[in-house]
Amino acid sequence: MRITKPPRPGRRESLISDVPPKLTLRFYDGAIVAARKVGRRWSEYFVDAGAVRQVLAGAPTSSGLLGPNTLATGLREGVAFTVALIAPRRVLVAIGTKTTHEFAFVTPPIVWAGWGEQYRIFALHTSDLAKGWPTSDRITLYHAPFANTYASGAICWGSGRRPGVASPATMEAGFTIYAEDSFFIASAMSAPSAKYGGDLDKLYAALRGLKVYPSADLTPQGKQLSDVLSAEVFSDSL
């Protein structure tokens, strides 16, 4: 087989440093090719899929230390996903059309999930939590009370910067970007309120001064927590 030097991965693709690798694998339909550095040269050769599987089976897979808000981590189609529980907190949101209105309110418990650079968000009813933690993976998901949320739980980042690939370490910061660092129109993309539907001006005005989000006003989204923990929600379109 010919000897060649594989291209150096770009900075965006490198997950550790700019140090070139000593061994790379390239997967093709019907073949796996390894490139190994020997001295100053690179040697390419075909490798058996069973051998690759055996080697990868012994590779470390620990996520490392996880935060207390992480509900689940896993892989979907080879891409890592993270599901976090965002405890009720005070947020300051900006909405409007011709004029900007700012509202501060306490959120319901939030399920915040990221798969690669895709994100989903849902709310939970406080009666489905015990000591701040979900009582079961079969509890109902509710529409999150934000303008930038579709009926499926998918989100629009609006004017806010995107946090990039989701990971247990970035979920809290990503939620802050989504909830507070963007400007949106006053009409929700879903109907998160049983009383006000998608009229967020009226909903947020009613939430002013409340120390706990009124869970009775949440509207069911149609799925269960297990659908998020398995990353099935990422198969839904907007």
Protein backbone atom coordinates (compact mmCIF):
# COMPACT_ATOMS: atom_id res chain seq x y z
CA MET A 1 0.00 0.00 0.00
CA ARG A 2 1.17 3.52 -0.69
CA ILE A 3 2.71 5.57 2.07
CA THR A 4 1.23 8.96 2.70
CA LYS A 5 0.75 11.52 5.40
CA PRO A 6 -2.88 12.03 6.41
CA PRO A 7 -4.18 15.59 6.61
CA ARG A 8 -3.87 17.27 9.95
CA PRO A 9 -7.25 17.84 11.59
CA GLY A 10 -8.46 21.45 11.72
CA ARG A 11 -8.57 23.34 14.99
CA ARG A 12 -12.36 23.01 15.10
CA GLU A 13 -12.22 19.25 14.83
CA SER A 14 -9.36 18.68 17.27
CA LEU A 15 -10.68 17.86 20.74
CA ILE A 16 -7.37 17.77 22.62
CA SER A 17 -4.56 19.86 21.12
CA ASP A 18 -2.60 20.68 17.99
CA VAL A 19 -0.27 17.70 18.53
CA PRO A 20 -0.61 15.39 15.49
CA PRO A 21 -1.95 11.87 16.20
CA LYS A 22 0.18 8.73 16.06
CA LEU A 23 -2.65 6.56 14.72
CA THR A 24 -5.83 7.38 12.79
CA LEU A 25 -8.73 5.29 11.53
CA ARG A 26 -10.85 6.08 8.46
CA PHE A 27 -14.13 4.27 7.93
CA TYR A 28 -15.38 3.58 4.40
CA ASP A 29 -18.21 1.47 3.04
CA GLY A 30 -16.79 -2.04 3.26
CA ALA A 31 -13.34 -1.12 4.60
CA ILE A 32 -11.47 0.40 7.55
CA VAL A 33 -8.07 1.96 6.91
CA ALA A 34 -5.53 2.68 9.64
CA ALA A 35 -2.67 5.14 9.28
CA ARG A 36 0.18 4.71 11.76
CA LYS A 37 3.17 7.00 12.19
CA VAL A 38 6.49 5.13 12.01
CA GLY A 39 9.36 7.49 12.57
CA ARG A 40 8.75 10.40 10.20
CA ARG A 41 6.58 8.46 7.77
CA TRP A 42 2.97 7.30 7.75
CA SER A 43 2.00 3.77 6.78
CA GLU A 44 -1.55 2.90 5.71
CA TYR A 45 -3.11 -0.56 5.84
CA PHE A 46 -6.49 -2.25 6.00
CA VAL A 47 -7.69 -3.43 9.41
CA ASP A 48 -10.28 -5.98 10.46
CA ALA A 49 -13.56 -4.59 11.79
CA GLY A 50 -13.59 -7.18 14.57
CA ALA A 51 -10.16 -6.06 15.77
CA VAL A 52 -11.28 -2.43 15.82
CA ARG A 53 -14.36 -3.38 17.81
CA GLN A 54 -12.26 -5.26 20.34
CA VAL A 55 -9.83 -2.37 20.80
CA LEU A 56 -12.59 0.23 21.16
CA ALA A 57 -14.42 -1.97 23.67
CA GLY A 58 -11.50 -1.50 26.02
CA ALA A 59 -11.29 2.26 25.57
CA PRO A 60 -12.20 4.41 28.62
CA THR A 61 -15.83 5.57 28.46
CA SER A 62 -16.23 7.32 31.80
CA SER A 63 -17.84 10.74 31.60
CA GLY A 64 -15.81 11.96 34.55
CA LEU A 65 -17.33 13.94 37.39
CA LEU A 66 -20.90 14.98 36.57
CA GLY A 67 -22.80 17.87 38.07
CA PRO A 68 -25.76 17.25 40.39
CA ASN A 69 -28.19 18.48 37.72
CA THR A 70 -27.31 15.89 35.05
CA LEU A 71 -30.25 13.56 34.37
CA ALA A 72 -28.65 11.47 31.61
CA THR A 73 -25.82 11.22 29.12
CA GLY A 74 -25.46 8.90 26.14
CA LEU A 75 -24.93 8.50 22.42
CA ARG A 76 -27.42 8.87 19.59
CA GLU A 77 -26.20 8.00 16.09
CA GLY A 78 -22.64 8.28 17.34
CA VAL A 79 -23.12 11.80 18.75
CA ALA A 80 -23.09 12.46 22.51
CA PHE A 81 -26.17 13.92 24.22
CA THR A 82 -26.72 15.38 27.68
CA VAL A 83 -29.96 15.91 29.61
CA ALA A 84 -29.90 18.37 32.50
CA LEU A 85 -32.43 19.42 35.12
CA ILE A 86 -32.51 23.20 35.58
CA ALA A 87 -33.98 23.98 38.98
CA PRO A 88 -36.51 26.83 39.25
CA ARG A 89 -34.71 30.16 39.04
CA ARG A 90 -35.39 33.82 38.41
CA VAL A 91 -34.80 34.86 34.81
CA LEU A 92 -35.04 38.21 33.07
CA VAL A 93 -36.43 37.90 29.54
CA ALA A 94 -36.88 40.54 26.82
CA ILE A 95 -39.77 40.32 24.34
CA GLY A 96 -41.66 42.70 22.11
CA THR A 97 -42.31 43.96 18.59
CA LYS A 98 -41.98 47.73 18.21
CA THR A 99 -41.01 48.20 21.85
CA THR A 100 -39.09 45.92 24.20
CA HIS A 101 -40.63 44.65 27.40
CA GLU A 102 -38.57 43.01 30.13
CA PHE A 103 -40.08 40.58 32.56
CA ALA A 104 -38.55 38.83 35.56
CA PHE A 105 -40.14 35.59 36.76
CA VAL A 106 -39.30 32.28 38.41
CA THR A 107 -39.24 29.38 35.96
CA PRO A 108 -40.80 25.97 36.50
CA PRO A 109 -38.40 23.00 36.77
CA ILE A 110 -36.82 22.72 33.32
CA VAL A 111 -35.56 19.70 31.38
CA TRP A 112 -32.79 20.97 29.10
CA ALA A 113 -31.31 18.52 26.58
CA GLY A 114 -28.52 18.90 24.04
CA TRP A 115 -27.41 16.57 21.23
CA GLY A 116 -24.44 17.95 19.35
CA GLU A 117 -25.56 21.52 18.62
CA GLN A 118 -29.28 20.71 18.73
CA TYR A 119 -31.23 21.51 21.89
CA ARG A 120 -34.66 20.68 23.32
CA ILE A 121 -36.44 22.16 26.33
CA PHE A 122 -39.46 21.15 28.41
CA ALA A 123 -41.04 22.02 31.75
CA LEU A 124 -41.99 19.71 34.62
CA HIS A 125 -44.87 19.88 37.09
CA THR A 126 -43.61 20.35 40.66
CA SER A 127 -45.87 17.49 41.84
CA ASP A 128 -43.75 15.11 39.73
CA LEU A 129 -40.60 15.93 41.71
CA ALA A 130 -39.51 14.76 45.15
CA LYS A 131 -36.79 16.82 46.84
CA GLY A 132 -36.24 18.54 43.50
CA TRP A 133 -35.68 15.33 41.50
CA PRO A 134 -38.05 13.53 39.05
CA THR A 135 -39.96 10.72 40.72
CA SER A 136 -40.04 8.59 37.55
CA ASP A 137 -39.00 8.59 33.90
CA ARG A 138 -42.71 8.27 33.03
CA ILE A 139 -43.71 11.73 34.21
CA THR A 140 -45.32 14.13 31.73
CA LEU A 141 -43.40 16.81 29.89
CA TYR A 142 -44.92 20.29 29.57
CA HIS A 143 -44.34 23.18 27.19
CA ALA A 144 -41.59 25.49 28.42
CA PRO A 145 -42.88 29.08 28.90
CA PHE A 146 -40.55 30.82 26.46
CA ALA A 147 -41.16 32.58 23.16
CA ASN A 148 -38.39 30.78 21.37
CA THR A 149 -39.72 27.25 21.87
CA TYR A 150 -41.53 25.15 19.27
CA ALA A 151 -44.28 22.65 20.12
CA SER A 152 -41.75 19.80 19.76
CA GLY A 153 -39.46 21.33 22.37
CA ALA A 154 -36.98 22.50 19.73
CA ILE A 155 -35.68 26.03 20.21
CA CYS A 156 -34.62 29.09 18.26
CA TRP A 157 -31.59 30.95 19.61
CA GLY A 158 -32.82 34.31 18.35
CA SER A 159 -30.21 37.04 18.71
CA GLY A 160 -28.24 35.14 21.33
CA ARG A 161 -24.88 33.56 20.63
CA ARG A 162 -24.91 29.78 20.40
CA PRO A 163 -23.07 27.77 23.07
CA GLY A 164 -21.82 25.12 20.64
CA VAL A 165 -21.76 21.38 21.27
CA ALA A 166 -23.69 20.31 24.36
CA SER A 167 -21.85 18.71 27.27
CA PRO A 168 -22.52 18.28 31.00
CA ALA A 169 -20.15 21.18 31.69
CA THR A 170 -21.88 23.65 29.34
CA MET A 171 -25.59 23.03 29.94
CA GLU A 172 -26.09 25.68 32.64
CA ALA A 173 -24.39 28.38 30.57
CA GLY A 174 -26.32 27.31 27.48
CA PHE A 175 -29.63 27.69 29.30
CA THR A 176 -28.74 31.22 30.41
CA ILE A 177 -27.91 32.17 26.82
CA TYR A 178 -31.20 30.74 25.61
CA ALA A 179 -33.43 32.19 28.32
CA GLU A 180 -31.91 35.60 28.98
CA ASP A 181 -29.42 36.67 26.32
CA SER A 182 -31.84 36.89 23.36
CA PHE A 183 -34.65 39.13 22.22
CA PHE A 184 -37.87 37.62 20.84
CA ILE A 185 -41.34 38.64 19.72
CA ALA A 186 -44.10 38.49 22.32
CA SER A 187 -46.00 35.64 20.67
CA ALA A 188 -44.90 32.13 21.63
CA MET A 189 -44.28 29.43 19.00
CA SER A 190 -46.33 27.08 21.20
CA ALA A 191 -49.08 27.56 23.79
CA PRO A 192 -47.34 27.12 27.16
CA SER A 193 -50.11 28.64 29.29
CA ALA A 194 -53.51 27.08 29.96
CA LYS A 195 -54.93 30.54 30.69
CA TYR A 196 -53.12 32.80 28.22
CA GLY A 197 -52.11 30.39 25.46
CA GLY A 198 -49.16 31.89 23.62
CA ASP A 199 -49.69 35.49 24.77
CA LEU A 200 -46.47 35.93 26.70
CA ASP A 201 -47.06 39.59 27.60
CA LYS A 202 -50.09 38.55 29.66
CA LEU A 203 -48.44 35.40 31.01
CA TYR A 204 -45.25 37.12 32.15
CA ALA A 205 -47.20 40.01 33.68
CA ALA A 206 -49.19 37.48 35.73
CA LEU A 207 -45.96 35.79 36.87
CA ARG A 208 -44.47 38.97 38.30
CA GLY A 209 -43.89 38.73 42.03
CA LEU A 210 -44.66 34.99 42.26
CA LYS A 211 -42.05 32.97 44.13
CA VAL A 212 -43.14 29.66 42.57
CA TYR A 213 -44.24 29.03 39.00
CA PRO A 214 -47.95 28.03 38.87
CA SER A 215 -47.61 24.46 37.60
CA ALA A 216 -51.37 24.17 37.16
CA ASP A 217 -51.08 26.63 34.25
CA LEU A 218 -48.57 24.45 32.33
CA THR A 219 -49.85 22.63 29.24
CA PRO A 220 -48.81 19.01 28.47
CA GLN A 221 -46.37 18.61 25.59
CA GLY A 222 -47.46 15.06 24.71
CA LYS A 223 -44.32 13.16 25.68
CA GLN A 224 -42.75 11.67 28.80
CA LEU A 225 -39.41 12.25 30.46
CA SER A 226 -38.20 8.87 29.13
CA ASP A 227 -38.43 10.28 25.59
CA VAL A 228 -35.79 12.86 26.52
CA LEU A 229 -33.58 10.49 28.50
CA SER A 230 -33.36 8.23 25.43
CA ALA A 231 -32.82 11.24 23.09
CA GLU A 232 -35.90 10.22 21.08
CA VAL A 233 -37.12 13.83 21.14
CA PHE A 234 -34.34 14.78 18.72
CA SER A 235 -36.08 12.81 15.97
CA ASP A 236 -38.98 15.30 16.03
CA SER A 237 -39.13 18.12 13.52
CA LEU A 238 -40.05 21.67 14.51
